Amino acid sequence: MDSPAEPTETHGDQIHQLESKVGQLEQAVESHASIDQAMGVIVAVGRISPAEAWDVLRETSMDTNIKLRQVAELVVAWGATGDLAADIRDELARRLRHRGAA
């Protein structure tokens, strides 16, 4: 009688993979919240639509070579403190001017 094949993954491996996925999902939810809040700041400041705010945020991230999540966090902090790094502030202003924003 043949013995059953050994499982390739142990329960510990499966638990580790699931914990890793949960961590990734938690980080994604946090990033999404920061991005939504940053878009709100940009909508309010620039008097533009949410779709335009998304473009401004994304393009600012690309042009400054700073991760989108980090740019979003800095924009949210700017909304609370009034302080924003010059490179991001300048790029946001340029993007908003390009769209004819207020």
PDB file of N, CA and C in Angstrom:
ATOM      1  N   MET A   1       0.846  -1.171   0.000  1.00  0.00           N
ATOM      2  CA  MET A   1       0.000   0.000   0.000  1.00  0.00           C
ATOM      3  C   MET A   1       0.892   1.234   0.000  1.00  0.00           C
ATOM      4  N   ASP A   2       0.554   2.155  -0.904  1.00  0.00           N
ATOM      5  CA  ASP A   2       1.347   3.377  -1.011  1.00  0.00           C
ATOM      6  C   ASP A   2       0.975   4.325   0.110  1.00  0.00           C
ATOM      7  N   SER A   3       1.970   5.055   0.601  1.00  0.00           N
ATOM      8  CA  SER A   3       1.688   6.066   1.627  1.00  0.00           C
ATOM      9  C   SER A   3       1.320   7.368   0.924  1.00  0.00           C
ATOM     10  N   PRO A   4       0.473   8.178   1.566  1.00  0.00           N
ATOM     11  CA  PRO A   4       0.078   9.441   0.942  1.00  0.00           C
ATOM     12  C   PRO A   4       1.293  10.355   0.780  1.00  0.00           C
ATOM     13  N   ALA A   5       1.253  11.154  -0.254  1.00  0.00           N
ATOM     14  CA  ALA A   5       2.358  12.074  -0.521  1.00  0.00           C
ATOM     15  C   ALA A   5       2.423  13.116   0.592  1.00  0.00           C
ATOM     16  N   GLU A   6       3.622  13.542   0.886  1.00  0.00           N
ATOM     17  CA  GLU A   6       3.824  14.582   1.887  1.00  0.00           C
ATOM     18  C   GLU A   6       3.245  15.902   1.353  1.00  0.00           C
ATOM     19  N   PRO A   7       2.544  16.630   2.188  1.00  0.00           N
ATOM     20  CA  PRO A   7       2.045  17.928   1.720  1.00  0.00           C
ATOM     21  C   PRO A   7       3.224  18.871   1.476  1.00  0.00           C
ATOM     22  N   THR A   8       3.087  19.690   0.450  1.00  0.00           N
ATOM     23  CA  THR A   8       4.181  20.596   0.123  1.00  0.00           C
ATOM     24  C   THR A   8       4.191  21.807   1.051  1.00  0.00           C
ATOM     25  N   GLU A   9       3.059  22.152   1.621  1.00  0.00           N
ATOM     26  CA  GLU A   9       2.988  23.267   2.553  1.00  0.00           C
ATOM     27  C   GLU A   9       2.488  22.769   3.899  1.00  0.00           C
ATOM     28  N   THR A  10       3.109  23.242   4.943  1.00  0.00           N
ATOM     29  CA  THR A  10       2.631  22.907   6.272  1.00  0.00           C
ATOM     30  C   THR A  10       1.603  23.958   6.695  1.00  0.00           C
ATOM     31  N   HIS A  11       0.908  23.662   7.753  1.00  0.00           N
ATOM     32  CA  HIS A  11      -0.058  24.640   8.266  1.00  0.00           C
ATOM     33  C   HIS A  11       0.657  25.924   8.677  1.00  0.00           C
ATOM     34  N   GLY A  12       1.851  25.788   9.199  1.00  0.00           N
ATOM     35  CA  GLY A  12       2.632  26.967   9.573  1.00  0.00           C
ATOM     36  C   GLY A  12       2.940  27.833   8.371  1.00  0.00           C
ATOM     37  N   ASP A  13       3.285  27.202   7.236  1.00  0.00           N
ATOM     38  CA  ASP A  13       3.548  27.959   6.003  1.00  0.00           C
ATOM     39  C   ASP A  13       2.289  28.689   5.538  1.00  0.00           C
ATOM     40  N   GLN A  14       1.162  28.005   5.599  1.00  0.00           N
ATOM     41  CA  GLN A  14      -0.096  28.613   5.182  1.00  0.00           C
ATOM     42  C   GLN A  14      -0.455  29.794   6.085  1.00  0.00           C
ATOM     43  N   ILE A  15      -0.261  29.627   7.371  1.00  0.00           N
ATOM     44  CA  ILE A  15      -0.545  30.714   8.316  1.00  0.00           C
ATOM     45  C   ILE A  15       0.350  31.910   8.016  1.00  0.00           C
ATOM     46  N   HIS A  16       1.630  31.651   7.773  1.00  0.00           N
ATOM     47  CA  HIS A  16       2.565  32.727   7.468  1.00  0.00           C
ATOM     48  C   HIS A  16       2.145  33.468   6.197  1.00  0.00           C
ATOM     49  N   GLN A  17       1.751  32.739   5.167  1.00  0.00           N
ATOM     50  CA  GLN A  17       1.308  33.363   3.919  1.00  0.00           C
ATOM     51  C   GLN A  17       0.055  34.206   4.135  1.00  0.00           C
ATOM     52  N   LEU A  18      -0.880  33.680   4.916  1.00  0.00           N
ATOM     53  CA  LEU A  18      -2.117  34.434   5.191  1.00  0.00           C
ATOM     54  C   LEU A  18      -1.831  35.689   6.015  1.00  0.00           C
ATOM     55  N   GLU A  19      -0.937  35.580   6.998  1.00  0.00           N
ATOM     56  CA  GLU A  19      -0.567  36.756   7.792  1.00  0.00           C
ATOM     57  C   GLU A  19       0.086  37.806   6.916  1.00  0.00           C
ATOM     58  N   SER A  20       0.909  37.371   5.980  1.00  0.00           N
ATOM     59  CA  SER A  20       1.567  38.288   5.064  1.00  0.00           C
ATOM     60  C   SER A  20       0.537  38.996   4.184  1.00  0.00           C
ATOM     61  N   LYS A  21      -0.433  38.248   3.669  1.00  0.00           N
ATOM     62  CA  LYS A  21      -1.483  38.847   2.842  1.00  0.00           C
ATOM     63  C   LYS A  21      -2.321  39.838   3.632  1.00  0.00           C
ATOM     64  N   VAL A  22      -2.639  39.512   4.865  1.00  0.00           N
ATOM     65  CA  VAL A  22      -3.410  40.421   5.712  1.00  0.00           C
ATOM     66  C   VAL A  22      -2.629  41.716   5.926  1.00  0.00           C
ATOM     67  N   GLY A  23      -1.341  41.607   6.176  1.00  0.00           N
ATOM     68  CA  GLY A  23      -0.501  42.794   6.344  1.00  0.00           C
ATOM     69  C   GLY A  23      -0.488  43.654   5.093  1.00  0.00           C
ATOM     70  N   GLN A  24      -0.392  43.015   3.935  1.00  0.00           N
ATOM     71  CA  GLN A  24      -0.400  43.748   2.674  1.00  0.00           C
ATOM     72  C   GLN A  24      -1.740  44.453   2.461  1.00  0.00           C
ATOM     73  N   LEU A  25      -2.827  43.774   2.790  1.00  0.00           N
ATOM     74  CA  LEU A  25      -4.152  44.375   2.641  1.00  0.00           C
ATOM     75  C   LEU A  25      -4.342  45.551   3.594  1.00  0.00           C
ATOM     76  N   GLU A  26      -3.847  45.417   4.825  1.00  0.00           N
ATOM     77  CA  GLU A  26      -3.938  46.515   5.781  1.00  0.00           C
ATOM     78  C   GLU A  26      -3.171  47.734   5.274  1.00  0.00           C
ATOM     79  N   GLN A  27      -1.988  47.500   4.720  1.00  0.00           N
ATOM     80  CA  GLN A  27      -1.181  48.596   4.187  1.00  0.00           C
ATOM     81  C   GLN A  27      -1.884  49.238   2.989  1.00  0.00           C
ATOM     82  N   ALA A  28      -2.506  48.429   2.158  1.00  0.00           N
ATOM     83  CA  ALA A  28      -3.223  48.960   0.994  1.00  0.00           C
ATOM     84  C   ALA A  28      -4.394  49.841   1.433  1.00  0.00           C
ATOM     85  N   VAL A  29      -5.107  49.423   2.463  1.00  0.00           N
ATOM     86  CA  VAL A  29      -6.238  50.212   2.968  1.00  0.00           C
ATOM     87  C   VAL A  29      -5.733  51.546   3.519  1.00  0.00           C
ATOM     88  N   GLU A  30      -4.633  51.517   4.273  1.00  0.00           N
ATOM     89  CA  GLU A  30      -4.058  52.756   4.806  1.00  0.00           C
ATOM     90  C   GLU A  30      -3.626  53.685   3.679  1.00  0.00           C
ATOM     91  N   SER A  31      -2.947  53.135   2.673  1.00  0.00           N
ATOM     92  CA  SER A  31      -2.488  53.942   1.543  1.00  0.00           C
ATOM     93  C   SER A  31      -3.675  54.555   0.816  1.00  0.00           C
ATOM     94  N   HIS A  32      -4.712  53.766   0.614  1.00  0.00           N
ATOM     95  CA  HIS A  32      -5.900  54.246  -0.087  1.00  0.00           C
ATOM     96  C   HIS A  32      -6.537  55.404   0.682  1.00  0.00           C
ATOM     97  N   ALA A  33      -6.599  55.285   2.002  1.00  0.00           N
ATOM     98  CA  ALA A  33      -7.187  56.347   2.819  1.00  0.00           C
ATOM     99  C   ALA A  33      -6.362  57.626   2.702  1.00  0.00           C
ATOM    100  N   SER A  34      -5.043  57.508   2.750  1.00  0.00           N
ATOM    101  CA  SER A  34      -4.176  58.687   2.624  1.00  0.00           C
ATOM    102  C   SER A  34      -4.346  59.340   1.259  1.00  0.00           C
ATOM    103  N   ILE A  35      -4.428  58.523   0.228  1.00  0.00           N
ATOM    104  CA  ILE A  35      -4.591  59.056  -1.128  1.00  0.00           C
ATOM    105  C   ILE A  35      -5.935  59.769  -1.260  1.00  0.00           C
ATOM    106  N   ASP A  36      -6.993  59.185  -0.720  1.00  0.00           N
ATOM    107  CA  ASP A  36      -8.309  59.829  -0.768  1.00  0.00           C
ATOM    108  C   ASP A  36      -8.291  61.166  -0.030  1.00  0.00           C
ATOM    109  N   GLN A  37      -7.642  61.194   1.137  1.00  0.00           N
ATOM    110  CA  GLN A  37      -7.568  62.435   1.905  1.00  0.00           C
ATOM    111  C   GLN A  37      -6.767  63.491   1.148  1.00  0.00           C
ATOM    112  N   ALA A  38      -5.656  63.079   0.554  1.00  0.00           N
ATOM    113  CA  ALA A  38      -4.836  64.019  -0.224  1.00  0.00           C
ATOM    114  C   ALA A  38      -5.617  64.558  -1.410  1.00  0.00           C
ATOM    115  N   MET A  39      -6.380  63.708  -2.052  1.00  0.00           N
ATOM    116  CA  MET A  39      -7.213  64.174  -3.160  1.00  0.00           C
ATOM    117  C   MET A  39      -8.213  65.214  -2.668  1.00  0.00           C
ATOM    118  N   GLY A  40      -8.759  65.016  -1.479  1.00  0.00           N
ATOM    119  CA  GLY A  40      -9.677  65.983  -0.904  1.00  0.00           C
ATOM    120  C   GLY A  40      -9.017  67.333  -0.684  1.00  0.00           C
ATOM    121  N   VAL A  41      -7.777  67.315  -0.202  1.00  0.00           N
ATOM    122  CA  VAL A  41      -7.031  68.563  -0.004  1.00  0.00           C
ATOM    123  C   VAL A  41      -6.835  69.262  -1.348  1.00  0.00           C
ATOM    124  N   ILE A  42      -6.440  68.499  -2.348  1.00  0.00           N
ATOM    125  CA  ILE A  42      -6.174  69.078  -3.668  1.00  0.00           C
ATOM    126  C   ILE A  42      -7.461  69.597  -4.303  1.00  0.00           C
ATOM    127  N   VAL A  43      -8.556  68.881  -4.133  1.00  0.00           N
ATOM    128  CA  VAL A  43      -9.849  69.339  -4.642  1.00  0.00           C
ATOM    129  C   VAL A  43     -10.204  70.686  -4.002  1.00  0.00           C
ATOM    130  N   ALA A  44     -10.018  70.782  -2.694  1.00  0.00           N
ATOM    131  CA  ALA A  44     -10.370  72.007  -1.978  1.00  0.00           C
ATOM    132  C   ALA A  44      -9.456  73.167  -2.362  1.00  0.00           C
ATOM    133  N   VAL A  45      -8.175  72.910  -2.420  1.00  0.00           N
ATOM    134  CA  VAL A  45      -7.214  73.975  -2.710  1.00  0.00           C
ATOM    135  C   VAL A  45      -7.304  74.413  -4.170  1.00  0.00           C
ATOM    136  N   GLY A  46      -7.376  73.440  -5.064  1.00  0.00           N
ATOM    137  CA  GLY A  46      -7.348  73.756  -6.483  1.00  0.00           C
ATOM    138  C   GLY A  46      -8.695  73.990  -7.113  1.00  0.00           C
ATOM    139  N   ARG A  47      -9.768  73.682  -6.365  1.00  0.00           N
ATOM    140  CA  ARG A  47     -11.130  73.801  -6.897  1.00  0.00           C
ATOM    141  C   ARG A  47     -11.261  73.049  -8.216  1.00  0.00           C
ATOM    142  N   ILE A  48     -10.828  71.786  -8.156  1.00  0.00           N
ATOM    143  CA  ILE A  48     -10.891  70.903  -9.315  1.00  0.00           C
ATOM    144  C   ILE A  48     -11.682  69.656  -8.951  1.00  0.00           C
ATOM    145  N   SER A  49     -11.951  68.832  -9.925  1.00  0.00           N
ATOM    146  CA  SER A  49     -12.717  67.611  -9.690  1.00  0.00           C
ATOM    147  C   SER A  49     -11.829  66.550  -9.041  1.00  0.00           C
ATOM    148  N   PRO A  50     -12.441  65.554  -8.408  1.00  0.00           N
ATOM    149  CA  PRO A  50     -11.657  64.459  -7.846  1.00  0.00           C
ATOM    150  C   PRO A  50     -10.817  63.732  -8.901  1.00  0.00           C
ATOM    151  N   ALA A  51     -11.344  63.587 -10.113  1.00  0.00           N
ATOM    152  CA  ALA A  51     -10.565  62.926 -11.171  1.00  0.00           C
ATOM    153  C   ALA A  51      -9.321  63.739 -11.507  1.00  0.00           C
ATOM    154  N   GLU A  52      -9.481  65.064 -11.573  1.00  0.00           N
ATOM    155  CA  GLU A  52      -8.322  65.918 -11.832  1.00  0.00           C
ATOM    156  C   GLU A  52      -7.347  65.883 -10.662  1.00  0.00           C
ATOM    157  N   ALA A  53      -7.865  65.828  -9.444  1.00  0.00           N
ATOM    158  CA  ALA A  53      -7.000  65.753  -8.261  1.00  0.00           C
ATOM    159  C   ALA A  53      -6.180  64.465  -8.287  1.00  0.00           C
ATOM    160  N   TRP A  54      -6.802  63.368  -8.706  1.00  0.00           N
ATOM    161  CA  TRP A  54      -6.067  62.102  -8.830  1.00  0.00           C
ATOM    162  C   TRP A  54      -4.924  62.259  -9.824  1.00  0.00           C
ATOM    163  N   ASP A  55      -5.204  62.877 -10.968  1.00  0.00           N
ATOM    164  CA  ASP A  55      -4.158  63.085 -11.971  1.00  0.00           C
ATOM    165  C   ASP A  55      -3.034  63.953 -11.419  1.00  0.00           C
ATOM    166  N   VAL A  56      -3.393  65.034 -10.737  1.00  0.00           N
ATOM    167  CA  VAL A  56      -2.389  65.930 -10.159  1.00  0.00           C
ATOM    168  C   VAL A  56      -1.519  65.174  -9.168  1.00  0.00           C
ATOM    169  N   LEU A  57      -2.134  64.405  -8.309  1.00  0.00           N
ATOM    170  CA  LEU A  57      -1.397  63.650  -7.301  1.00  0.00           C
ATOM    171  C   LEU A  57      -0.476  62.621  -7.950  1.00  0.00           C
ATOM    172  N   ARG A  58      -0.999  61.875  -8.899  1.00  0.00           N
ATOM    173  CA  ARG A  58      -0.220  60.833  -9.579  1.00  0.00           C
ATOM    174  C   ARG A  58       0.943  61.444 -10.359  1.00  0.00           C
ATOM    175  N   GLU A  59       0.658  62.501 -11.102  1.00  0.00           N
ATOM    176  CA  GLU A  59       1.708  63.140 -11.906  1.00  0.00           C
ATOM    177  C   GLU A  59       2.773  63.779 -11.024  1.00  0.00           C
ATOM    178  N   THR A  60       2.359  64.343  -9.896  1.00  0.00           N
ATOM    179  CA  THR A  60       3.326  64.920  -8.959  1.00  0.00           C
ATOM    180  C   THR A  60       4.242  63.830  -8.427  1.00  0.00           C
ATOM    181  N   SER A  61       3.684  62.696  -8.120  1.00  0.00           N
ATOM    182  CA  SER A  61       4.485  61.562  -7.655  1.00  0.00           C
ATOM    183  C   SER A  61       5.501  61.151  -8.708  1.00  0.00           C
ATOM    184  N   MET A  62       5.046  61.031  -9.938  1.00  0.00           N
ATOM    185  CA  MET A  62       5.949  60.599 -11.005  1.00  0.00           C
ATOM    186  C   MET A  62       7.045  61.633 -11.265  1.00  0.00           C
ATOM    187  N   ASP A  63       6.663  62.905 -11.312  1.00  0.00           N
ATOM    188  CA  ASP A  63       7.631  63.949 -11.660  1.00  0.00           C
ATOM    189  C   ASP A  63       8.623  64.249 -10.553  1.00  0.00           C
ATOM    190  N   THR A  64       8.247  63.977  -9.311  1.00  0.00           N
ATOM    191  CA  THR A  64       9.180  64.188  -8.202  1.00  0.00           C
ATOM    192  C   THR A  64       9.904  62.898  -7.818  1.00  0.00           C
ATOM    193  N   ASN A  65       9.511  61.802  -8.437  1.00  0.00           N
ATOM    194  CA  ASN A  65      10.101  60.492  -8.148  1.00  0.00           C
ATOM    195  C   ASN A  65       9.947  60.112  -6.675  1.00  0.00           C
ATOM    196  N   ILE A  66       8.772  60.432  -6.146  1.00  0.00           N
ATOM    197  CA  ILE A  66       8.422  60.084  -4.766  1.00  0.00           C
ATOM    198  C   ILE A  66       7.185  59.205  -4.837  1.00  0.00           C
ATOM    199  N   LYS A  67       7.178  58.144  -4.057  1.00  0.00           N
ATOM    200  CA  LYS A  67       6.047  57.219  -4.098  1.00  0.00           C
ATOM    201  C   LYS A  67       4.736  57.946  -3.844  1.00  0.00           C
ATOM    202  N   LEU A  68       3.711  57.503  -4.546  1.00  0.00           N
ATOM    203  CA  LEU A  68       2.394  58.114  -4.455  1.00  0.00           C
ATOM    204  C   LEU A  68       1.911  58.173  -3.011  1.00  0.00           C
ATOM    205  N   ARG A  69       2.060  57.100  -2.292  1.00  0.00           N
ATOM    206  CA  ARG A  69       1.607  57.055  -0.896  1.00  0.00           C
ATOM    207  C   ARG A  69       2.299  58.127  -0.071  1.00  0.00           C
ATOM    208  N   GLN A  70       3.598  58.310  -0.292  1.00  0.00           N
ATOM    209  CA  GLN A  70       4.354  59.299   0.470  1.00  0.00           C
ATOM    210  C   GLN A  70       3.925  60.723   0.092  1.00  0.00           C
ATOM    211  N   VAL A  71       3.736  60.973  -1.196  1.00  0.00           N
ATOM    212  CA  VAL A  71       3.254  62.291  -1.624  1.00  0.00           C
ATOM    213  C   VAL A  71       1.898  62.556  -0.976  1.00  0.00           C
ATOM    214  N   ALA A  72       1.035  61.563  -0.977  1.00  0.00           N
ATOM    215  CA  ALA A  72      -0.295  61.724  -0.375  1.00  0.00           C
ATOM    216  C   ALA A  72      -0.183  62.057   1.107  1.00  0.00           C
ATOM    217  N   GLU A  73       0.667  61.365   1.824  1.00  0.00           N
ATOM    218  CA  GLU A  73       0.841  61.619   3.253  1.00  0.00           C
ATOM    219  C   GLU A  73       1.353  63.039   3.490  1.00  0.00           C
ATOM    220  N   LEU A  74       2.272  63.499   2.637  1.00  0.00           N
ATOM    221  CA  LEU A  74       2.810  64.854   2.773  1.00  0.00           C
ATOM    222  C   LEU A  74       1.751  65.910   2.471  1.00  0.00           C
ATOM    223  N   VAL A  75       0.905  65.652   1.469  1.00  0.00           N
ATOM    224  CA  VAL A  75      -0.164  66.591   1.128  1.00  0.00           C
ATOM    225  C   VAL A  75      -1.180  66.664   2.268  1.00  0.00           C
ATOM    226  N   VAL A  76      -1.514  65.532   2.859  1.00  0.00           N
ATOM    227  CA  VAL A  76      -2.446  65.527   3.996  1.00  0.00           C
ATOM    228  C   VAL A  76      -1.851  66.317   5.160  1.00  0.00           C
ATOM    229  N   ALA A  77      -0.578  66.103   5.441  1.00  0.00           N
ATOM    230  CA  ALA A  77       0.086  66.850   6.511  1.00  0.00           C
ATOM    231  C   ALA A  77       0.097  68.346   6.191  1.00  0.00           C
ATOM    232  N   TRP A  78       0.300  68.683   4.923  1.00  0.00           N
ATOM    233  CA  TRP A  78       0.271  70.084   4.483  1.00  0.00           C
ATOM    234  C   TRP A  78      -1.079  70.713   4.791  1.00  0.00           C
ATOM    235  N   GLY A  79      -2.135  69.962   4.557  1.00  0.00           N
ATOM    236  CA  GLY A  79      -3.472  70.464   4.851  1.00  0.00           C
ATOM    237  C   GLY A  79      -3.650  70.795   6.331  1.00  0.00           C
ATOM    238  N   ALA A  80      -2.938  70.076   7.192  1.00  0.00           N
ATOM    239  CA  ALA A  80      -3.056  70.296   8.629  1.00  0.00           C
ATOM    240  C   ALA A  80      -2.065  71.332   9.158  1.00  0.00           C
ATOM    241  N   THR A  81      -0.862  71.371   8.578  1.00  0.00           N
ATOM    242  CA  THR A  81       0.207  72.212   9.132  1.00  0.00           C
ATOM    243  C   THR A  81       0.547  73.431   8.290  1.00  0.00           C
ATOM    244  N   GLY A  82       0.231  73.376   7.005  1.00  0.00           N
ATOM    245  CA  GLY A  82       0.625  74.445   6.099  1.00  0.00           C
ATOM    246  C   GLY A  82       2.041  74.293   5.576  1.00  0.00           C
ATOM    247  N   ASP A  83       2.745  73.257   6.009  1.00  0.00           N
ATOM    248  CA  ASP A  83       4.126  73.016   5.572  1.00  0.00           C
ATOM    249  C   ASP A  83       4.164  71.907   4.522  1.00  0.00           C
ATOM    250  N   LEU A  84       4.880  72.184   3.430  1.00  0.00           N
ATOM    251  CA  LEU A  84       5.042  71.190   2.367  1.00  0.00           C
ATOM    252  C   LEU A  84       6.402  71.400   1.726  1.00  0.00           C
ATOM    253  N   ALA A  85       7.100  70.317   1.469  1.00  0.00           N
ATOM    254  CA  ALA A  85       8.422  70.388   0.843  1.00  0.00           C
ATOM    255  C   ALA A  85       8.322  71.175  -0.462  1.00  0.00           C
ATOM    256  N   ALA A  86       9.347  71.986  -0.718  1.00  0.00           N
ATOM    257  CA  ALA A  86       9.330  72.896  -1.867  1.00  0.00           C
ATOM    258  C   ALA A  86       9.141  72.168  -3.186  1.00  0.00           C
ATOM    259  N   ASP A  87       9.794  71.023  -3.372  1.00  0.00           N
ATOM    260  CA  ASP A  87       9.676  70.334  -4.658  1.00  0.00           C
ATOM    261  C   ASP A  87       8.252  69.859  -4.915  1.00  0.00           C
ATOM    262  N   ILE A  88       7.599  69.370  -3.888  1.00  0.00           N
ATOM    263  CA  ILE A  88       6.223  68.907  -4.052  1.00  0.00           C
ATOM    264  C   ILE A  88       5.284  70.101  -4.202  1.00  0.00           C
ATOM    265  N   ARG A  89       5.494  71.138  -3.387  1.00  0.00           N
ATOM    266  CA  ARG A  89       4.666  72.339  -3.468  1.00  0.00           C
ATOM    267  C   ARG A  89       4.745  72.958  -4.860  1.00  0.00           C
ATOM    268  N   ASP A  90       5.959  73.069  -5.390  1.00  0.00           N
ATOM    269  CA  ASP A  90       6.146  73.662  -6.711  1.00  0.00           C
ATOM    270  C   ASP A  90       5.490  72.821  -7.806  1.00  0.00           C
ATOM    271  N   GLU A  91       5.645  71.517  -7.704  1.00  0.00           N
ATOM    272  CA  GLU A  91       5.054  70.634  -8.717  1.00  0.00           C
ATOM    273  C   GLU A  91       3.530  70.672  -8.645  1.00  0.00           C
ATOM    274  N   LEU A  92       2.973  70.659  -7.430  1.00  0.00           N
ATOM    275  CA  LEU A  92       1.517  70.767  -7.290  1.00  0.00           C
ATOM    276  C   LEU A  92       1.014  72.083  -7.887  1.00  0.00           C
ATOM    277  N   ALA A  93       1.699  73.171  -7.567  1.00  0.00           N
ATOM    278  CA  ALA A  93       1.289  74.479  -8.085  1.00  0.00           C
ATOM    279  C   ALA A  93       1.340  74.486  -9.611  1.00  0.00           C
ATOM    280  N   ARG A  94       2.400  73.923 -10.173  1.00  0.00           N
ATOM    281  CA  ARG A  94       2.533  73.862 -11.625  1.00  0.00           C
ATOM    282  C   ARG A  94       1.395  73.055 -12.235  1.00  0.00           C
ATOM    283  N   ARG A  95       1.102  71.910 -11.642  1.00  0.00           N
ATOM    284  CA  ARG A  95       0.025  71.039 -12.153  1.00  0.00           C
ATOM    285  C   ARG A  95      -1.335  71.747 -12.053  1.00  0.00           C
ATOM    286  N   LEU A  96      -1.567  72.434 -10.955  1.00  0.00           N
ATOM    287  CA  LEU A  96      -2.848  73.120 -10.781  1.00  0.00           C
ATOM    288  C   LEU A  96      -2.961  74.299 -11.758  1.00  0.00           C
ATOM    289  N   ARG A  97      -1.884  75.037 -11.955  1.00  0.00           N
ATOM    290  CA  ARG A  97      -1.899  76.136 -12.940  1.00  0.00           C
ATOM    291  C   ARG A  97      -2.199  75.601 -14.327  1.00  0.00           C
ATOM    292  N   HIS A  98      -1.600  74.459 -14.644  1.00  0.00           N
ATOM    293  CA  HIS A  98      -1.790  73.831 -15.966  1.00  0.00           C
ATOM    294  C   HIS A  98      -3.274  73.509 -16.204  1.00  0.00           C
ATOM    295  N   ARG A  99      -3.972  73.195 -15.134  1.00  0.00           N
ATOM    296  CA  ARG A  99      -5.402  72.865 -15.246  1.00  0.00           C
ATOM    297  C   ARG A  99      -6.288  74.086 -15.074  1.00  0.00           C
ATOM    298  N   GLY A 100      -5.678  75.259 -14.920  1.00  0.00           N
ATOM    299  CA  GLY A 100      -6.469  76.467 -14.751  1.00  0.00           C
ATOM    300  C   GLY A 100      -7.187  76.526 -13.420  1.00  0.00           C
ATOM    301  N   ALA A 101      -6.615  75.822 -12.425  1.00  0.00           N
ATOM    302  CA  ALA A 101      -7.250  75.773 -11.110  1.00  0.00           C
ATOM    303  C   ALA A 101      -7.095  77.110 -10.398  1.00  0.00           C
ATOM    304  N   ALA A 102      -7.938  77.289  -9.427  1.00  0.00           N
ATOM    305  CA  ALA A 102      -7.919  78.543  -8.638  1.00  0.00           C
ATOM    306  C   ALA A 102      -6.652  78.648  -7.815  1.00  0.00           C
TER     307      ALA A 102
END
